[in-house]
Amino acid sequence: MSNFTMSDGFLLKVFSNKNSRLFEEAGNHVLKEFSGSKDQVGIIYNDFNADAKMVDSWQKETKGMNVYHVAPRSKTLRMDAKVLFAKKMKDSHYVPKTYFSYDEIPSDTPENALFFVKKNGSTGSRGVDIHPYSAMKDLDYTERVVQENMPTPDLYDDKRYKIRAYVVLHDKNVFLFNKSFATVASEDFKDAIGDMDQDVLRKMHVIFQTSGTKFILSEELDKFEQIQQNMLVACKDFKNVYKDEIKRIEPNEFVILGFDFVVDADGNVQIIEINHRSNYAHPKLMENKVDVPLLKNLYKLLIQGSSLDTDFRKV
């Protein structure tokens, strides 16, 4: 938990109770850009909810300071919770086909078709399983969502990958950050024909962060420009579906969402889940190229009141 005050004519005060080193580094970059200006800005990121007393004390200590803080969890929970997200987005073209019980899945589904079964509230790979249709009849579907697997995924080095892209909500607007990274599966992709060991299936399809996970910058992907454009279109669909929730975010609030995308062989994308309190503990290259630039650009967005001269694309 850290509190930073930076000043060179321009005053920037930042609080974070998560990955504070990155928030401070981003602040130092912004300080150089706004050096000499008369702006007085406070930014509060709390992984739970911002402390109203902190907001009040900052404004009393520095008259005229504009204080921005992360929106309350209650305003973004429907975006993060797996079952709520699935129900809200189930008719979207930009999420996998979604079911909530075995009986909802079409009976003519091929026996070897794969489905992810995700427990509500699961994080990382815990509570996430993958099964062929032939093995799904007697599973427990309580507080779970079923997503149809993408049968022809795009591959990196013969392996599936998942993109983490950051989306910021502020002042009734949605912004997609141009820089993102991908995590790569630990097992080469191959079609699931007949019985396949569950451990192999998971290593091939369930992509999550471990000490040995391979990270790449999304710009390394062959179809990156096409993928980036399709992610922007998917975000437009998200904006339409969640328009009421987005309207409830106040002008002095912001949200950083981590969108997880999968990509097919033609460069089309699907949102498989959204994280409303993202994890910024990533390898050094991802921190330097994605995480810190994200926070720096967020600060600029809040200070300027616009996405001008930032790496955000307004959705």
C-alpha atoms as a PDB file:
ATOM      1  CA  MET A   1       0.000   0.000   0.000  1.00  0.00           C
ATOM      2  CA  SER A   2       1.693   3.202  -1.157  1.00  0.00           C
ATOM      3  CA  ASN A   3       1.003   6.889  -1.492  1.00  0.00           C
ATOM      4  CA  PHE A   4       3.120   9.050  -3.831  1.00  0.00           C
ATOM      5  CA  THR A   5       3.236  12.809  -4.228  1.00  0.00           C
ATOM      6  CA  MET A   6       5.099  14.208  -7.225  1.00  0.00           C
ATOM      7  CA  SER A   7       5.480  17.895  -7.962  1.00  0.00           C
ATOM      8  CA  ASP A   8       7.311  20.155 -10.381  1.00  0.00           C
ATOM      9  CA  GLY A   9       4.816  22.972 -10.668  1.00  0.00           C
ATOM     10  CA  PHE A  10       2.495  20.184 -11.749  1.00  0.00           C
ATOM     11  CA  LEU A  11       1.147  18.237  -8.738  1.00  0.00           C
ATOM     12  CA  LEU A  12       0.262  14.553  -9.063  1.00  0.00           C
ATOM     13  CA  LYS A  13      -0.738  12.490  -6.042  1.00  0.00           C
ATOM     14  CA  VAL A  14      -1.222   8.734  -6.496  1.00  0.00           C
ATOM     15  CA  PHE A  15      -2.407   6.011  -4.130  1.00  0.00           C
ATOM     16  CA  SER A  16      -2.430   2.296  -4.886  1.00  0.00           C
ATOM     17  CA  ASN A  17      -2.816  -0.787  -2.703  1.00  0.00           C
ATOM     18  CA  LYS A  18      -1.820  -3.088  -5.575  1.00  0.00           C
ATOM     19  CA  ASN A  19       1.458  -3.295  -7.545  1.00  0.00           C
ATOM     20  CA  SER A  20       2.317   0.172  -6.256  1.00  0.00           C
ATOM     21  CA  ARG A  21       5.754   0.157  -7.925  1.00  0.00           C
ATOM     22  CA  LEU A  22       4.106   0.233 -11.364  1.00  0.00           C
ATOM     23  CA  PHE A  23       1.735   3.046 -10.383  1.00  0.00           C
ATOM     24  CA  GLU A  24       4.686   5.093  -9.121  1.00  0.00           C
ATOM     25  CA  GLU A  25       6.756   4.440 -12.256  1.00  0.00           C
ATOM     26  CA  ALA A  26       3.850   5.538 -14.457  1.00  0.00           C
ATOM     27  CA  GLY A  27       3.515   8.678 -12.346  1.00  0.00           C
ATOM     28  CA  ASN A  28       7.165   9.575 -12.874  1.00  0.00           C
ATOM     29  CA  HIS A  29       6.705   9.307 -16.655  1.00  0.00           C
ATOM     30  CA  VAL A  30       3.658  11.582 -16.558  1.00  0.00           C
ATOM     31  CA  LEU A  31       5.434  14.059 -14.294  1.00  0.00           C
ATOM     32  CA  LYS A  32       8.031  14.635 -17.024  1.00  0.00           C
ATOM     33  CA  GLU A  33       5.349  15.259 -19.647  1.00  0.00           C
ATOM     34  CA  PHE A  34       3.351  17.731 -17.555  1.00  0.00           C
ATOM     35  CA  SER A  35       6.287  19.408 -15.825  1.00  0.00           C
ATOM     36  CA  GLY A  36       5.594  23.114 -15.330  1.00  0.00           C
ATOM     37  CA  SER A  37       1.827  22.888 -15.750  1.00  0.00           C
ATOM     38  CA  LYS A  38      -0.436  24.098 -12.957  1.00  0.00           C
ATOM     39  CA  ASP A  39      -2.638  21.001 -12.820  1.00  0.00           C
ATOM     40  CA  GLN A  40      -3.327  19.433  -9.416  1.00  0.00           C
ATOM     41  CA  VAL A  41      -4.557  15.861  -9.774  1.00  0.00           C
ATOM     42  CA  GLY A  42      -5.104  12.968  -7.384  1.00  0.00           C
ATOM     43  CA  ILE A  43      -5.574   9.365  -8.553  1.00  0.00           C
ATOM     44  CA  ILE A  44      -6.692   6.598  -6.193  1.00  0.00           C
ATOM     45  CA  TYR A  45      -6.611   2.924  -7.170  1.00  0.00           C
ATOM     46  CA  ASN A  46      -7.968   0.551  -4.548  1.00  0.00           C
ATOM     47  CA  ASP A  47      -8.506  -3.136  -5.294  1.00  0.00           C
ATOM     48  CA  PHE A  48     -11.673  -2.960  -3.193  1.00  0.00           C
ATOM     49  CA  ASN A  49     -13.373   0.447  -3.046  1.00  0.00           C
ATOM     50  CA  ALA A  50     -11.806   3.883  -2.746  1.00  0.00           C
ATOM     51  CA  ASP A  51     -11.776   5.360   0.748  1.00  0.00           C
ATOM     52  CA  ALA A  52     -14.145   8.347   0.731  1.00  0.00           C
ATOM     53  CA  LYS A  53     -12.218   9.850   3.670  1.00  0.00           C
ATOM     54  CA  MET A  54      -9.020   9.768   1.592  1.00  0.00           C
ATOM     55  CA  VAL A  55     -10.730  11.563  -1.299  1.00  0.00           C
ATOM     56  CA  ASP A  56     -12.069  14.210   1.095  1.00  0.00           C
ATOM     57  CA  SER A  57      -8.722  14.720   2.858  1.00  0.00           C
ATOM     58  CA  TRP A  58      -6.812  15.126  -0.413  1.00  0.00           C
ATOM     59  CA  GLN A  59      -9.255  17.780  -1.597  1.00  0.00           C
ATOM     60  CA  LYS A  60      -9.016  19.602   1.738  1.00  0.00           C
ATOM     61  CA  GLU A  61      -5.200  19.470   1.773  1.00  0.00           C
ATOM     62  CA  THR A  62      -4.912  20.810  -1.788  1.00  0.00           C
ATOM     63  CA  LYS A  63      -7.636  23.261  -2.722  1.00  0.00           C
ATOM     64  CA  GLY A  64      -8.768  22.795  -6.313  1.00  0.00           C
ATOM     65  CA  MET A  65      -7.331  19.284  -6.672  1.00  0.00           C
ATOM     66  CA  ASN A  66      -9.255  17.028  -9.050  1.00  0.00           C
ATOM     67  CA  VAL A  67      -9.398  13.564  -7.454  1.00  0.00           C
ATOM     68  CA  TYR A  68     -10.225  10.502  -9.561  1.00  0.00           C
ATOM     69  CA  HIS A  69     -10.744   7.058  -8.089  1.00  0.00           C
ATOM     70  CA  VAL A  70     -11.575   3.551  -9.173  1.00  0.00           C
ATOM     71  CA  ALA A  71     -15.318   2.918  -9.425  1.00  0.00           C
ATOM     72  CA  PRO A  72     -16.918   0.794  -6.676  1.00  0.00           C
ATOM     73  CA  ARG A  73     -16.875  -2.949  -7.246  1.00  0.00           C
ATOM     74  CA  SER A  74     -20.680  -3.004  -7.229  1.00  0.00           C
ATOM     75  CA  LYS A  75     -20.707  -1.068 -10.512  1.00  0.00           C
ATOM     76  CA  THR A  76     -18.567  -3.593 -12.394  1.00  0.00           C
ATOM     77  CA  LEU A  77     -19.402  -6.929 -10.770  1.00  0.00           C
ATOM     78  CA  ARG A  78     -21.787  -7.932 -13.572  1.00  0.00           C
ATOM     79  CA  MET A  79     -18.872  -7.604 -15.968  1.00  0.00           C
ATOM     80  CA  ASP A  80     -16.551  -9.789 -13.899  1.00  0.00           C
ATOM     81  CA  ALA A  81     -18.685 -12.598 -12.429  1.00  0.00           C
ATOM     82  CA  LYS A  82     -18.635 -15.478 -14.907  1.00  0.00           C
ATOM     83  CA  VAL A  83     -22.307 -16.459 -14.733  1.00  0.00           C
ATOM     84  CA  LEU A  84     -23.556 -12.850 -14.778  1.00  0.00           C
ATOM     85  CA  PHE A  85     -21.248 -11.965 -17.689  1.00  0.00           C
ATOM     86  CA  ALA A  86     -22.352 -15.066 -19.615  1.00  0.00           C
ATOM     87  CA  LYS A  87     -26.051 -14.289 -19.133  1.00  0.00           C
ATOM     88  CA  LYS A  88     -25.570 -10.656 -20.102  1.00  0.00           C
ATOM     89  CA  MET A  89     -23.504 -11.371 -23.235  1.00  0.00           C
ATOM     90  CA  LYS A  90     -24.929 -14.742 -24.327  1.00  0.00           C
ATOM     91  CA  ASP A  91     -26.556 -13.328 -27.478  1.00  0.00           C
ATOM     92  CA  SER A  92     -23.415 -11.533 -28.611  1.00  0.00           C
ATOM     93  CA  HIS A  93     -21.500 -12.666 -31.674  1.00  0.00           C
ATOM     94  CA  TYR A  94     -18.296 -11.838 -29.781  1.00  0.00           C
ATOM     95  CA  VAL A  95     -18.508 -14.437 -27.016  1.00  0.00           C
ATOM     96  CA  PRO A  96     -18.480 -18.250 -27.336  1.00  0.00           C
ATOM     97  CA  LYS A  97     -21.802 -20.059 -27.585  1.00  0.00           C
ATOM     98  CA  THR A  98     -22.925 -20.295 -23.978  1.00  0.00           C
ATOM     99  CA  TYR A  99     -25.064 -22.747 -21.998  1.00  0.00           C
ATOM    100  CA  PHE A 100     -25.999 -23.272 -18.347  1.00  0.00           C
ATOM    101  CA  SER A 101     -26.957 -26.962 -18.322  1.00  0.00           C
ATOM    102  CA  TYR A 102     -26.368 -30.132 -20.305  1.00  0.00           C
ATOM    103  CA  ASP A 103     -29.918 -30.102 -21.684  1.00  0.00           C
ATOM    104  CA  GLU A 104     -29.362 -26.699 -23.336  1.00  0.00           C
ATOM    105  CA  ILE A 105     -26.582 -28.065 -25.551  1.00  0.00           C
ATOM    106  CA  PRO A 106     -27.961 -29.243 -28.943  1.00  0.00           C
ATOM    107  CA  SER A 107     -28.391 -33.027 -28.922  1.00  0.00           C
ATOM    108  CA  ASP A 108     -26.788 -33.393 -32.368  1.00  0.00           C
ATOM    109  CA  THR A 109     -23.466 -31.994 -31.052  1.00  0.00           C
ATOM    110  CA  PRO A 110     -20.517 -34.223 -32.117  1.00  0.00           C
ATOM    111  CA  GLU A 111     -19.312 -36.493 -29.319  1.00  0.00           C
ATOM    112  CA  ASN A 112     -15.763 -35.103 -29.450  1.00  0.00           C
ATOM    113  CA  ALA A 113     -16.796 -31.402 -29.467  1.00  0.00           C
ATOM    114  CA  LEU A 114     -15.136 -29.648 -26.527  1.00  0.00           C
ATOM    115  CA  PHE A 115     -16.687 -27.357 -23.923  1.00  0.00           C
ATOM    116  CA  PHE A 116     -15.215 -25.298 -21.099  1.00  0.00           C
ATOM    117  CA  VAL A 117     -17.084 -25.603 -17.810  1.00  0.00           C
ATOM    118  CA  LYS A 118     -16.324 -22.644 -15.533  1.00  0.00           C
ATOM    119  CA  LYS A 119     -17.314 -22.308 -11.926  1.00  0.00           C
ATOM    120  CA  ASN A 120     -18.549 -18.891 -10.886  1.00  0.00           C
ATOM    121  CA  GLY A 121     -15.825 -17.007  -9.017  1.00  0.00           C
ATOM    122  CA  SER A 122     -12.976 -19.157 -10.334  1.00  0.00           C
ATOM    123  CA  THR A 123      -9.612 -17.491 -10.930  1.00  0.00           C
ATOM    124  CA  GLY A 124      -6.657 -18.634 -12.972  1.00  0.00           C
ATOM    125  CA  SER A 125      -7.348 -22.241 -13.917  1.00  0.00           C
ATOM    126  CA  ARG A 126      -9.005 -23.197 -10.629  1.00  0.00           C
ATOM    127  CA  GLY A 127     -12.613 -24.162 -11.274  1.00  0.00           C
ATOM    128  CA  VAL A 128     -12.145 -24.299 -15.053  1.00  0.00           C
ATOM    129  CA  ASP A 129     -12.408 -27.694 -16.794  1.00  0.00           C
ATOM    130  CA  ILE A 130     -12.661 -28.833 -20.396  1.00  0.00           C
ATOM    131  CA  HIS A 131     -14.651 -31.871 -21.505  1.00  0.00           C
ATOM    132  CA  PRO A 132     -15.839 -33.550 -24.704  1.00  0.00           C
ATOM    133  CA  TYR A 133     -19.609 -33.549 -25.167  1.00  0.00           C
ATOM    134  CA  SER A 134     -19.648 -37.330 -24.615  1.00  0.00           C
ATOM    135  CA  ALA A 135     -18.470 -36.858 -20.998  1.00  0.00           C
ATOM    136  CA  MET A 136     -20.729 -33.957 -19.969  1.00  0.00           C
ATOM    137  CA  LYS A 137     -24.102 -35.506 -19.111  1.00  0.00           C
ATOM    138  CA  ASP A 138     -23.469 -36.132 -15.409  1.00  0.00           C
ATOM    139  CA  LEU A 139     -21.408 -33.022 -14.572  1.00  0.00           C
ATOM    140  CA  ASP A 140     -22.419 -30.562 -11.856  1.00  0.00           C
ATOM    141  CA  TYR A 141     -23.717 -27.364 -13.496  1.00  0.00           C
ATOM    142  CA  THR A 142     -24.536 -25.505 -10.280  1.00  0.00           C
ATOM    143  CA  GLU A 143     -23.223 -21.917 -10.480  1.00  0.00           C
ATOM    144  CA  ARG A 144     -21.345 -22.804 -13.643  1.00  0.00           C
ATOM    145  CA  VAL A 145     -21.237 -21.561 -17.194  1.00  0.00           C
ATOM    146  CA  VAL A 146     -20.502 -23.703 -20.258  1.00  0.00           C
ATOM    147  CA  GLN A 147     -18.670 -22.166 -23.215  1.00  0.00           C
ATOM    148  CA  GLU A 148     -18.258 -23.923 -26.539  1.00  0.00           C
ATOM    149  CA  ASN A 149     -14.621 -24.363 -27.518  1.00  0.00           C
ATOM    150  CA  MET A 150     -13.266 -22.557 -30.576  1.00  0.00           C
ATOM    151  CA  PRO A 151     -12.493 -25.508 -32.901  1.00  0.00           C
ATOM    152  CA  THR A 152     -10.004 -23.759 -35.220  1.00  0.00           C
ATOM    153  CA  PRO A 153      -7.926 -21.398 -33.059  1.00  0.00           C
ATOM    154  CA  ASP A 154      -5.127 -19.244 -34.337  1.00  0.00           C
ATOM    155  CA  LEU A 155      -1.775 -20.636 -33.227  1.00  0.00           C
ATOM    156  CA  TYR A 156       1.545 -19.218 -32.102  1.00  0.00           C
ATOM    157  CA  ASP A 157       4.436 -21.656 -32.383  1.00  0.00           C
ATOM    158  CA  ASP A 158       1.840 -24.477 -32.842  1.00  0.00           C
ATOM    159  CA  LYS A 159       0.095 -23.550 -29.586  1.00  0.00           C
ATOM    160  CA  ARG A 160      -3.113 -21.780 -28.575  1.00  0.00           C
ATOM    161  CA  TYR A 161      -2.862 -18.371 -26.992  1.00  0.00           C
ATOM    162  CA  LYS A 162      -5.065 -15.937 -25.101  1.00  0.00           C
ATOM    163  CA  ILE A 163      -4.809 -12.143 -25.356  1.00  0.00           C
ATOM    164  CA  ARG A 164      -5.126  -9.863 -22.341  1.00  0.00           C
ATOM    165  CA  ALA A 165      -6.272  -6.440 -23.531  1.00  0.00           C
ATOM    166  CA  TYR A 166      -7.011  -3.504 -21.241  1.00  0.00           C
ATOM    167  CA  VAL A 167     -10.198  -1.472 -21.534  1.00  0.00           C
ATOM    168  CA  VAL A 168     -10.792   1.725 -19.541  1.00  0.00           C
ATOM    169  CA  LEU A 169     -14.201   3.155 -18.683  1.00  0.00           C
ATOM    170  CA  HIS A 170     -14.336   6.842 -17.840  1.00  0.00           C
ATOM    171  CA  ASP A 171     -16.848   9.672 -18.160  1.00  0.00           C
ATOM    172  CA  LYS A 172     -19.420   7.476 -19.989  1.00  0.00           C
ATOM    173  CA  ASN A 173     -16.772   6.445 -22.553  1.00  0.00           C
ATOM    174  CA  VAL A 174     -14.996   3.185 -23.373  1.00  0.00           C
ATOM    175  CA  PHE A 175     -11.330   3.117 -24.423  1.00  0.00           C
ATOM    176  CA  LEU A 176      -9.338   0.157 -25.759  1.00  0.00           C
ATOM    177  CA  PHE A 177      -5.616   0.322 -24.988  1.00  0.00           C
ATOM    178  CA  ASN A 178      -3.517  -0.307 -28.100  1.00  0.00           C
ATOM    179  CA  LYS A 179      -0.835  -2.378 -26.380  1.00  0.00           C
ATOM    180  CA  SER A 180      -1.581  -5.893 -25.136  1.00  0.00           C
ATOM    181  CA  PHE A 181       0.070  -9.234 -24.489  1.00  0.00           C
ATOM    182  CA  ALA A 182      -0.762 -12.907 -24.899  1.00  0.00           C
ATOM    183  CA  THR A 183      -0.118 -16.002 -22.823  1.00  0.00           C
ATOM    184  CA  VAL A 184       0.653 -19.240 -24.663  1.00  0.00           C
ATOM    185  CA  ALA A 185      -0.505 -22.785 -23.903  1.00  0.00           C
ATOM    186  CA  SER A 186       2.051 -25.296 -22.632  1.00  0.00           C
ATOM    187  CA  GLU A 187       1.049 -28.111 -25.037  1.00  0.00           C
ATOM    188  CA  ASP A 188       0.969 -28.112 -28.863  1.00  0.00           C
ATOM    189  CA  PHE A 189      -2.524 -27.907 -30.324  1.00  0.00           C
ATOM    190  CA  LYS A 190      -4.032 -30.957 -31.969  1.00  0.00           C
ATOM    191  CA  ASP A 191      -7.575 -32.076 -32.715  1.00  0.00           C
ATOM    192  CA  ALA A 192      -9.216 -34.032 -29.914  1.00  0.00           C
ATOM    193  CA  ILE A 193     -10.100 -37.323 -31.580  1.00  0.00           C
ATOM    194  CA  GLY A 194     -11.289 -40.142 -29.347  1.00  0.00           C
ATOM    195  CA  ASP A 195     -10.311 -40.258 -25.687  1.00  0.00           C
ATOM    196  CA  MET A 196      -7.655 -37.755 -24.699  1.00  0.00           C
ATOM    197  CA  ASP A 197      -6.034 -37.468 -21.299  1.00  0.00           C
ATOM    198  CA  GLN A 198      -7.649 -34.676 -19.249  1.00  0.00           C
ATOM    199  CA  ASP A 199      -4.258 -33.291 -18.237  1.00  0.00           C
ATOM    200  CA  VAL A 200      -3.211 -33.004 -21.897  1.00  0.00           C
ATOM    201  CA  LEU A 201      -6.517 -31.334 -22.787  1.00  0.00           C
ATOM    202  CA  ARG A 202      -6.029 -28.762 -20.042  1.00  0.00           C
ATOM    203  CA  LYS A 203      -2.440 -27.988 -21.036  1.00  0.00           C
ATOM    204  CA  MET A 204      -3.583 -27.526 -24.628  1.00  0.00           C
ATOM    205  CA  HIS A 205      -6.646 -25.362 -24.002  1.00  0.00           C
ATOM    206  CA  VAL A 206      -6.743 -23.872 -20.484  1.00  0.00           C
ATOM    207  CA  ILE A 207      -4.233 -21.021 -20.653  1.00  0.00           C
ATOM    208  CA  PHE A 208      -3.292 -19.452 -17.339  1.00  0.00           C
ATOM    209  CA  GLN A 209      -0.364 -17.763 -15.666  1.00  0.00           C
ATOM    210  CA  THR A 210       2.240 -19.886 -13.892  1.00  0.00           C
ATOM    211  CA  SER A 211       5.956 -19.464 -13.279  1.00  0.00           C
ATOM    212  CA  GLY A 212       6.650 -21.173 -16.606  1.00  0.00           C
ATOM    213  CA  THR A 213       4.000 -19.518 -18.766  1.00  0.00           C
ATOM    214  CA  LYS A 214       5.258 -18.011 -22.026  1.00  0.00           C
ATOM    215  CA  PHE A 215       4.234 -14.385 -22.541  1.00  0.00           C
ATOM    216  CA  ILE A 216       4.468 -12.555 -25.852  1.00  0.00           C
ATOM    217  CA  LEU A 217       3.549  -9.048 -26.965  1.00  0.00           C
ATOM    218  CA  SER A 218       0.428  -9.220 -29.126  1.00  0.00           C
ATOM    219  CA  GLU A 219       2.201  -7.268 -31.853  1.00  0.00           C
ATOM    220  CA  GLU A 220       4.285 -10.421 -32.484  1.00  0.00           C
ATOM    221  CA  LEU A 221       1.184 -12.210 -33.822  1.00  0.00           C
ATOM    222  CA  ASP A 222       0.997 -12.534 -37.613  1.00  0.00           C
ATOM    223  CA  LYS A 223      -2.547 -11.155 -37.868  1.00  0.00           C
ATOM    224  CA  PHE A 224      -2.156  -8.516 -35.157  1.00  0.00           C
ATOM    225  CA  GLU A 225      -3.606  -5.514 -37.060  1.00  0.00           C
ATOM    226  CA  GLN A 226      -6.679  -7.534 -38.054  1.00  0.00           C
ATOM    227  CA  ILE A 227      -7.022  -8.962 -34.544  1.00  0.00           C
ATOM    228  CA  GLN A 228      -6.712  -5.484 -33.021  1.00  0.00           C
ATOM    229  CA  GLN A 229      -9.465  -4.164 -35.265  1.00  0.00           C
ATOM    230  CA  ASN A 230     -11.721  -7.094 -34.388  1.00  0.00           C
ATOM    231  CA  MET A 231     -11.091  -6.524 -30.663  1.00  0.00           C
ATOM    232  CA  LEU A 232     -12.247  -2.931 -31.146  1.00  0.00           C
ATOM    233  CA  VAL A 233     -15.469  -4.152 -32.804  1.00  0.00           C
ATOM    234  CA  ALA A 234     -16.020  -6.629 -29.951  1.00  0.00           C
ATOM    235  CA  CYS A 235     -15.582  -3.780 -27.461  1.00  0.00           C
ATOM    236  CA  LYS A 236     -18.260  -1.807 -29.312  1.00  0.00           C
ATOM    237  CA  ASP A 237     -20.634  -4.717 -28.762  1.00  0.00           C
ATOM    238  CA  PHE A 238     -19.673  -4.790 -25.077  1.00  0.00           C
ATOM    239  CA  LYS A 239     -20.351  -1.045 -24.860  1.00  0.00           C
ATOM    240  CA  ASN A 240     -23.830  -1.543 -26.295  1.00  0.00           C
ATOM    241  CA  VAL A 241     -24.713  -4.462 -24.014  1.00  0.00           C
ATOM    242  CA  TYR A 242     -23.405  -2.737 -20.874  1.00  0.00           C
ATOM    243  CA  LYS A 243     -24.538   0.785 -21.747  1.00  0.00           C
ATOM    244  CA  ASP A 244     -26.578   1.174 -18.541  1.00  0.00           C
ATOM    245  CA  GLU A 245     -23.694   0.061 -16.309  1.00  0.00           C
ATOM    246  CA  ILE A 246     -21.286   2.374 -18.131  1.00  0.00           C
ATOM    247  CA  LYS A 247     -23.625   5.338 -17.631  1.00  0.00           C
ATOM    248  CA  ARG A 248     -23.549   4.773 -13.865  1.00  0.00           C
ATOM    249  CA  ILE A 249     -19.809   5.418 -13.648  1.00  0.00           C
ATOM    250  CA  GLU A 250     -19.360   8.979 -12.368  1.00  0.00           C
ATOM    251  CA  PRO A 251     -17.076  11.596 -14.048  1.00  0.00           C
ATOM    252  CA  ASN A 252     -14.615  11.336 -11.139  1.00  0.00           C
ATOM    253  CA  GLU A 253     -14.451   7.518 -11.430  1.00  0.00           C
ATOM    254  CA  PHE A 254     -12.549   5.191 -13.724  1.00  0.00           C
ATOM    255  CA  VAL A 255     -12.453   1.446 -14.339  1.00  0.00           C
ATOM    256  CA  ILE A 256      -9.608  -0.697 -15.689  1.00  0.00           C
ATOM    257  CA  LEU A 257     -10.938  -3.918 -17.194  1.00  0.00           C
ATOM    258  CA  GLY A 258      -8.848  -6.860 -18.363  1.00  0.00           C
ATOM    259  CA  PHE A 259     -10.532  -8.454 -21.381  1.00  0.00           C
ATOM    260  CA  ASP A 260      -9.443 -12.022 -22.238  1.00  0.00           C
ATOM    261  CA  PHE A 261      -9.755 -12.763 -25.956  1.00  0.00           C
ATOM    262  CA  VAL A 262      -9.315 -15.961 -27.938  1.00  0.00           C
ATOM    263  CA  VAL A 263      -8.651 -15.767 -31.675  1.00  0.00           C
ATOM    264  CA  ASP A 264      -9.597 -18.117 -34.499  1.00  0.00           C
ATOM    265  CA  ALA A 265      -7.571 -19.010 -37.592  1.00  0.00           C
ATOM    266  CA  ASP A 266      -9.196 -16.150 -39.548  1.00  0.00           C
ATOM    267  CA  GLY A 267      -8.367 -13.523 -36.928  1.00  0.00           C
ATOM    268  CA  ASN A 268     -11.891 -13.309 -35.485  1.00  0.00           C
ATOM    269  CA  VAL A 269     -12.076 -12.805 -31.717  1.00  0.00           C
ATOM    270  CA  GLN A 270     -14.263 -13.858 -28.804  1.00  0.00           C
ATOM    271  CA  ILE A 271     -14.328 -12.397 -25.292  1.00  0.00           C
ATOM    272  CA  ILE A 272     -14.145 -15.346 -22.898  1.00  0.00           C
ATOM    273  CA  GLU A 273     -14.196 -13.301 -19.690  1.00  0.00           C
ATOM    274  CA  ILE A 274     -13.635  -9.866 -18.172  1.00  0.00           C
ATOM    275  CA  ASN A 275     -11.645  -9.064 -15.032  1.00  0.00           C
ATOM    276  CA  HIS A 276     -12.673  -5.885 -13.201  1.00  0.00           C
ATOM    277  CA  ARG A 277      -9.729  -5.897 -10.769  1.00  0.00           C
ATOM    278  CA  SER A 278      -6.852  -6.965 -12.988  1.00  0.00           C
ATOM    279  CA  ASN A 279      -3.586  -8.535 -11.929  1.00  0.00           C
ATOM    280  CA  TYR A 280      -0.518  -6.496 -12.931  1.00  0.00           C
ATOM    281  CA  ALA A 281       2.077  -9.065 -11.769  1.00  0.00           C
ATOM    282  CA  HIS A 282       3.626  -9.944 -15.110  1.00  0.00           C
ATOM    283  CA  PRO A 283       7.111 -10.534 -16.526  1.00  0.00           C
ATOM    284  CA  LYS A 284       9.321  -7.449 -16.773  1.00  0.00           C
ATOM    285  CA  LEU A 285       8.890  -7.012 -20.530  1.00  0.00           C
ATOM    286  CA  MET A 286       5.078  -7.005 -20.193  1.00  0.00           C
ATOM    287  CA  GLU A 287       5.306  -4.500 -17.341  1.00  0.00           C
ATOM    288  CA  ASN A 288       7.546  -2.181 -19.375  1.00  0.00           C
ATOM    289  CA  LYS A 289       5.664  -2.496 -22.664  1.00  0.00           C
ATOM    290  CA  VAL A 290       2.047  -2.849 -21.511  1.00  0.00           C
ATOM    291  CA  ASP A 291       1.290  -2.391 -17.785  1.00  0.00           C
ATOM    292  CA  VAL A 292       3.237   0.806 -17.043  1.00  0.00           C
ATOM    293  CA  PRO A 293       2.258   2.422 -20.389  1.00  0.00           C
ATOM    294  CA  LEU A 294      -1.381   1.579 -19.590  1.00  0.00           C
ATOM    295  CA  LEU A 295      -1.208   3.409 -16.263  1.00  0.00           C
ATOM    296  CA  LYS A 296       0.727   6.314 -17.763  1.00  0.00           C
ATOM    297  CA  ASN A 297      -1.918   6.716 -20.471  1.00  0.00           C
ATOM    298  CA  LEU A 298      -4.694   6.399 -17.895  1.00  0.00           C
ATOM    299  CA  TYR A 299      -3.176   9.273 -15.915  1.00  0.00           C
ATOM    300  CA  LYS A 300      -2.945  11.358 -19.098  1.00  0.00           C
ATOM    301  CA  LEU A 301      -6.565  10.566 -19.969  1.00  0.00           C
ATOM    302  CA  LEU A 302      -7.730  11.720 -16.530  1.00  0.00           C
ATOM    303  CA  ILE A 303      -5.519  14.821 -16.425  1.00  0.00           C
ATOM    304  CA  GLN A 304      -6.389  15.995 -19.947  1.00  0.00           C
ATOM    305  CA  GLY A 305     -10.020  14.888 -19.926  1.00  0.00           C
ATOM    306  CA  SER A 306      -9.535  13.361 -23.375  1.00  0.00           C
ATOM    307  CA  SER A 307      -7.700  10.540 -25.172  1.00  0.00           C
ATOM    308  CA  LEU A 308      -5.751  13.013 -27.328  1.00  0.00           C
ATOM    309  CA  ASP A 309      -2.093  12.010 -27.686  1.00  0.00           C
ATOM    310  CA  THR A 310      -2.597   8.710 -25.851  1.00  0.00           C
ATOM    311  CA  ASP A 311      -2.488   5.060 -26.893  1.00  0.00           C
ATOM    312  CA  PHE A 312      -6.202   4.631 -26.235  1.00  0.00           C
ATOM    313  CA  ARG A 313      -8.703   4.069 -29.015  1.00  0.00           C
ATOM    314  CA  LYS A 314     -12.127   5.425 -28.180  1.00  0.00           C
ATOM    315  CA  VAL A 315     -14.742   2.750 -28.743  1.00  0.00           C
END
